[in-house]
C-alpha atoms as a PDB file:
ATOM      1  CA  UNK A   1       0.312   0.024  -0.139  1.00  0.00           C
ATOM      2  CA  UNK A   2       1.152   3.328  -0.890  1.00  0.00           C
ATOM      3  CA  UNK A   3       0.930   6.276   1.183  1.00  0.00           C
ATOM      4  CA  UNK A   4       0.704   9.092  -1.748  1.00  0.00           C
ATOM      5  CA  UNK A   5      -2.002   6.905  -3.599  1.00  0.00           C
ATOM      6  CA  UNK A   6      -4.702   7.636  -0.985  1.00  0.00           C
ATOM      7  CA  UNK A   7      -6.247  10.388  -2.082  1.00  0.00           C
ATOM      8  CA  UNK A   8      -8.641  12.192   0.788  1.00  0.00           C
ATOM      9  CA  UNK A   9      -6.948  10.405   3.987  1.00  0.00           C
ATOM     10  CA  UNK A  10      -6.460  12.297   7.077  1.00  0.00           C
ATOM     11  CA  UNK A  11      -3.106  11.362   8.658  1.00  0.00           C
ATOM     12  CA  UNK A  12      -2.650  12.594  12.253  1.00  0.00           C
ATOM     13  CA  UNK A  13       1.255  12.591  13.473  1.00  0.00           C
ATOM     14  CA  UNK A  14       1.848  11.174  17.190  1.00  0.00           C
ATOM     15  CA  UNK A  15       1.571  12.914  19.983  1.00  0.00           C
ATOM     16  CA  UNK A  16       5.872  11.594  21.071  1.00  0.00           C
ATOM     17  CA  UNK A  17       6.774  12.836  17.629  1.00  0.00           C
ATOM     18  CA  UNK A  18       7.056  16.069  18.856  1.00  0.00           C
ATOM     19  CA  UNK A  19       6.476  19.366  16.854  1.00  0.00           C
ATOM     20  CA  UNK A  20       9.045  19.477  13.961  1.00  0.00           C
ATOM     21  CA  UNK A  21      11.116  17.079  12.393  1.00  0.00           C
ATOM     22  CA  UNK A  22      10.712  14.079   9.440  1.00  0.00           C
ATOM     23  CA  UNK A  23      11.137  11.749  12.215  1.00  0.00           C
ATOM     24  CA  UNK A  24       6.883  11.128  12.831  1.00  0.00           C
ATOM     25  CA  UNK A  25       4.916   8.427  13.197  1.00  0.00           C
ATOM     26  CA  UNK A  26       1.705   9.107  11.719  1.00  0.00           C
ATOM     27  CA  UNK A  27      -1.984   7.082  12.122  1.00  0.00           C
ATOM     28  CA  UNK A  28      -4.908   7.055   9.523  1.00  0.00           C
ATOM     29  CA  UNK A  29      -8.145   5.318   9.865  1.00  0.00           C
ATOM     30  CA  UNK A  30      -9.600   3.476   6.688  1.00  0.00           C
ATOM     31  CA  UNK A  31     -12.717   1.659   6.515  1.00  0.00           C
ATOM     32  CA  UNK A  32     -12.165  -0.187  10.191  1.00  0.00           C
ATOM     33  CA  UNK A  33      -8.315  -0.482   9.818  1.00  0.00           C
ATOM     34  CA  UNK A  34      -5.569   1.509  10.855  1.00  0.00           C
ATOM     35  CA  UNK A  35      -2.700   3.391   8.418  1.00  0.00           C
ATOM     36  CA  UNK A  36       0.442   3.593  10.158  1.00  0.00           C
ATOM     37  CA  UNK A  37       3.862   5.579   8.412  1.00  0.00           C
ATOM     38  CA  UNK A  38       6.584   7.260   9.331  1.00  0.00           C
ATOM     39  CA  UNK A  39       6.369  10.762   7.888  1.00  0.00           C
ATOM     40  CA  UNK A  40      10.017  10.670   6.166  1.00  0.00           C
ATOM     41  CA  UNK A  41       9.103   7.584   4.040  1.00  0.00           C
ATOM     42  CA  UNK A  42       5.068   8.388   3.327  1.00  0.00           C
ATOM     43  CA  UNK A  43       5.175   5.674   0.434  1.00  0.00           C
ATOM     44  CA  UNK A  44       5.738   2.615   2.972  1.00  0.00           C
ATOM     45  CA  UNK A  45       1.814   2.301   4.710  1.00  0.00           C
ATOM     46  CA  UNK A  46       1.785  -0.375   7.685  1.00  0.00           C
ATOM     47  CA  UNK A  47      -2.360  -1.431   7.426  1.00  0.00           C
ATOM     48  CA  UNK A  48      -3.683  -3.135  10.983  1.00  0.00           C
ATOM     49  CA  UNK A  49      -6.375  -3.385  13.665  1.00  0.00           C
ATOM     50  CA  UNK A  50      -7.287  -1.796  15.892  1.00  0.00           C
ATOM     51  CA  UNK A  51      -7.342  -4.751  18.195  1.00  0.00           C
ATOM     52  CA  UNK A  52      -3.642  -6.093  16.900  1.00  0.00           C
ATOM     53  CA  UNK A  53      -2.215  -2.083  17.477  1.00  0.00           C
ATOM     54  CA  UNK A  54      -3.630  -2.503  21.030  1.00  0.00           C
ATOM     55  CA  UNK A  55      -2.076  -5.940  21.872  1.00  0.00           C
ATOM     56  CA  UNK A  56       1.351  -4.513  20.335  1.00  0.00           C
ATOM     57  CA  UNK A  57       1.021  -1.478  22.094  1.00  0.00           C
ATOM     58  CA  UNK A  58       0.405  -2.944  25.693  1.00  0.00           C
ATOM     59  CA  UNK A  59       3.045  -6.050  24.681  1.00  0.00           C
ATOM     60  CA  UNK A  60       5.685  -3.506  24.311  1.00  0.00           C
ATOM     61  CA  UNK A  61       4.776  -1.437  27.758  1.00  0.00           C
ATOM     62  CA  UNK A  62       4.693  -4.940  29.680  1.00  0.00           C
ATOM     63  CA  UNK A  63       8.514  -5.298  28.332  1.00  0.00           C
ATOM     64  CA  UNK A  64       9.673  -2.003  29.577  1.00  0.00           C
ATOM     65  CA  UNK A  65       8.065  -3.352  33.148  1.00  0.00           C
ATOM     66  CA  UNK A  66       9.798  -6.803  32.808  1.00  0.00           C
ATOM     67  CA  UNK A  67      13.276  -6.755  34.679  1.00  0.00           C
ATOM     68  CA  UNK A  68      15.111  -7.417  31.199  1.00  0.00           C
ATOM     69  CA  UNK A  69      16.872 -11.191  31.589  1.00  0.00           C
ATOM     70  CA  UNK A  70      20.449 -11.799  31.016  1.00  0.00           C
ATOM     71  CA  UNK A  71      22.462 -14.310  29.310  1.00  0.00           C
ATOM     72  CA  UNK A  72      24.807 -16.251  31.108  1.00  0.00           C
ATOM     73  CA  UNK A  73      28.316 -15.381  30.170  1.00  0.00           C
ATOM     74  CA  UNK A  74      29.684 -17.505  28.008  1.00  0.00           C
ATOM     75  CA  UNK A  75      33.500 -18.692  28.821  1.00  0.00           C
ATOM     76  CA  UNK A  76      35.847 -19.794  25.747  1.00  0.00           C
END
């Protein structure tokens, strides 16, 4: 799916992206799907559902709360 081939799509920049700069995550909602893209690469678009995006965000947040498990050092 190409971002520039979607006329009329209303993209919203993430509030975590800041005010300026090309490194922004943008979202749009089209026919029950969420579209995601980076503002510095607007032609690449990822389509997902709200439930799947919610699951990804919950999983990512759970990874921040969990202590990092370190692999035991290997001796050579």
